[in-house]
Each structure stands twice: as structure tokens, then as C-alpha cells.
Amino acid sequence: MYITSLEKMESIVKKERNLFWDGWTVVERIPNVKGMTSKFGIFFKNKWHIEKRFEPTDKGWKLPGKYVNEKT
């Protein structure tokens, strides 16, 4: 689902502990040992993580449904 409002995206990032900002990009970083072999894997603070980046487009940020209330 696309999020077109900066205010809405800020509220989602604020309440979800696995999301944070990197400039205008929203980053999801989840601890997971599979990060060791994943192309999305990073080693951060002595643990493996899976990191996905959601770049803004002309339609907004495309986030997975688990972060977005489908009714709104």
C-alpha cells in the first residue's frame, strides 16, 4: 500500500520499532540470523539483521500491509 502523506508515514515510523528514517527513505531492520546469507543482510551491533529500504516515489512510500491499517 502506498503512503502519500508525510504525516502518516511519520506516525507509522514512530510507532513501529523496526522502522526508522534515513533521509527520506524508510528503513526496516529486523534481527534475523538468515541475514548472514541474505542479499538484504547486514551485521549491526554484533547481530545479523535483514534490512529493507522503502524509497519514496511519485506515488509515495510503498509499505507492506503489516505496517498499514488496510481500513484507512
C-alpha atoms as a PDB file:
ATOM      1  CA  MET A   1       0.000   0.000   0.000  1.00  0.00           C
ATOM      2  CA  TYR A   2       1.247   3.468  -0.826  1.00  0.00           C
ATOM      3  CA  ILE A   3       1.505   6.136   1.866  1.00  0.00           C
ATOM      4  CA  THR A   4       1.277   9.580   0.284  1.00  0.00           C
ATOM      5  CA  SER A   5       1.277  11.760   3.389  1.00  0.00           C
ATOM      6  CA  LEU A   6       4.479  12.614   5.233  1.00  0.00           C
ATOM      7  CA  GLU A   7       2.493  12.985   8.467  1.00  0.00           C
ATOM      8  CA  LYS A   8       1.006   9.484   8.085  1.00  0.00           C
ATOM      9  CA  MET A   9       4.432   7.993   7.346  1.00  0.00           C
ATOM     10  CA  GLU A  10       5.962   9.762  10.341  1.00  0.00           C
ATOM     11  CA  SER A  11       3.254   8.314  12.611  1.00  0.00           C
ATOM     12  CA  ILE A  12       3.844   4.788  11.253  1.00  0.00           C
ATOM     13  CA  VAL A  13       7.630   5.050  11.737  1.00  0.00           C
ATOM     14  CA  LYS A  14       7.163   6.455  15.229  1.00  0.00           C
ATOM     15  CA  LYS A  15       5.018   3.535  16.435  1.00  0.00           C
ATOM     16  CA  GLU A  16       6.916   0.676  14.718  1.00  0.00           C
ATOM     17  CA  ARG A  17      10.190  -0.203  16.449  1.00  0.00           C
ATOM     18  CA  ASN A  18      11.666  -1.898  13.349  1.00  0.00           C
ATOM     19  CA  LEU A  19      11.324   1.226  11.182  1.00  0.00           C
ATOM     20  CA  PHE A  20      13.483   4.321  11.092  1.00  0.00           C
ATOM     21  CA  TRP A  21      14.343   7.181   8.761  1.00  0.00           C
ATOM     22  CA  ASP A  22      17.450   7.509   6.599  1.00  0.00           C
ATOM     23  CA  GLY A  23      16.859  10.871   4.962  1.00  0.00           C
ATOM     24  CA  TRP A  24      13.589  10.489   3.011  1.00  0.00           C
ATOM     25  CA  THR A  25      13.945   6.685   2.927  1.00  0.00           C
ATOM     26  CA  VAL A  26      12.170   4.482   5.465  1.00  0.00           C
ATOM     27  CA  VAL A  27      14.287   1.522   6.584  1.00  0.00           C
ATOM     28  CA  GLU A  28      13.035  -1.721   8.119  1.00  0.00           C
ATOM     29  CA  ARG A  29      15.702  -3.584  10.115  1.00  0.00           C
ATOM     30  CA  ILE A  30      14.776  -6.886  11.766  1.00  0.00           C
ATOM     31  CA  PRO A  31      17.217  -9.089  13.708  1.00  0.00           C
ATOM     32  CA  ASN A  32      17.490 -12.428  11.903  1.00  0.00           C
ATOM     33  CA  VAL A  33      20.342 -14.925  11.645  1.00  0.00           C
ATOM     34  CA  LYS A  34      19.350 -15.511   7.996  1.00  0.00           C
ATOM     35  CA  GLY A  35      20.844 -12.102   7.315  1.00  0.00           C
ATOM     36  CA  MET A  36      24.214 -13.863   7.187  1.00  0.00           C
ATOM     37  CA  THR A  37      23.374 -15.301   3.757  1.00  0.00           C
ATOM     38  CA  SER A  38      20.695 -12.872   2.537  1.00  0.00           C
ATOM     39  CA  LYS A  39      21.356 -10.173  -0.040  1.00  0.00           C
ATOM     40  CA  PHE A  40      19.449  -7.893   2.367  1.00  0.00           C
ATOM     41  CA  GLY A  41      21.600  -8.955   5.326  1.00  0.00           C
ATOM     42  CA  ILE A  42      23.655  -6.561   7.412  1.00  0.00           C
ATOM     43  CA  PHE A  43      25.770  -7.045  10.518  1.00  0.00           C
ATOM     44  CA  PHE A  44      24.785  -4.374  13.029  1.00  0.00           C
ATOM     45  CA  LYS A  45      25.654  -4.165  16.740  1.00  0.00           C
ATOM     46  CA  ASN A  46      27.088  -7.701  16.773  1.00  0.00           C
ATOM     47  CA  LYS A  47      23.928  -9.283  15.291  1.00  0.00           C
ATOM     48  CA  TRP A  48      22.730 -10.205  11.816  1.00  0.00           C
ATOM     49  CA  HIS A  49      19.682  -8.367  10.507  1.00  0.00           C
ATOM     50  CA  ILE A  50      17.520  -8.263   7.404  1.00  0.00           C
ATOM     51  CA  GLU A  51      17.228  -4.697   6.143  1.00  0.00           C
ATOM     52  CA  LYS A  52      14.745  -3.430   3.565  1.00  0.00           C
ATOM     53  CA  ARG A  53      14.605   0.113   2.289  1.00  0.00           C
ATOM     54  CA  PHE A  54      11.449   1.890   1.115  1.00  0.00           C
ATOM     55  CA  GLU A  55      12.387   4.772  -1.170  1.00  0.00           C
ATOM     56  CA  PRO A  56       9.801   7.485  -1.843  1.00  0.00           C
ATOM     57  CA  THR A  57       8.379   7.602  -5.365  1.00  0.00           C
ATOM     58  CA  ASP A  58       5.984   9.940  -7.123  1.00  0.00           C
ATOM     59  CA  LYS A  59       3.169   7.775  -5.638  1.00  0.00           C
ATOM     60  CA  GLY A  60       4.581   7.852  -2.096  1.00  0.00           C
ATOM     61  CA  TRP A  61       6.209   5.147   0.020  1.00  0.00           C
ATOM     62  CA  LYS A  62       5.148   1.570  -0.717  1.00  0.00           C
ATOM     63  CA  LEU A  63       4.962  -0.326   2.576  1.00  0.00           C
ATOM     64  CA  PRO A  64       3.937  -3.915   3.334  1.00  0.00           C
ATOM     65  CA  GLY A  65       0.393  -4.322   4.646  1.00  0.00           C
ATOM     66  CA  LYS A  66       1.647  -5.375   8.098  1.00  0.00           C
ATOM     67  CA  TYR A  67       2.562  -1.735   8.790  1.00  0.00           C
ATOM     68  CA  VAL A  68      -0.584  -0.200   7.330  1.00  0.00           C
ATOM     69  CA  ASN A  69      -4.125  -0.451   8.636  1.00  0.00           C
ATOM     70  CA  GLU A  70      -5.937  -1.509   5.447  1.00  0.00           C
ATOM     71  CA  LYS A  71      -9.156   0.257   6.577  1.00  0.00           C
ATOM     72  CA  THR A  72      -7.548   3.726   6.477  1.00  0.00           C
END
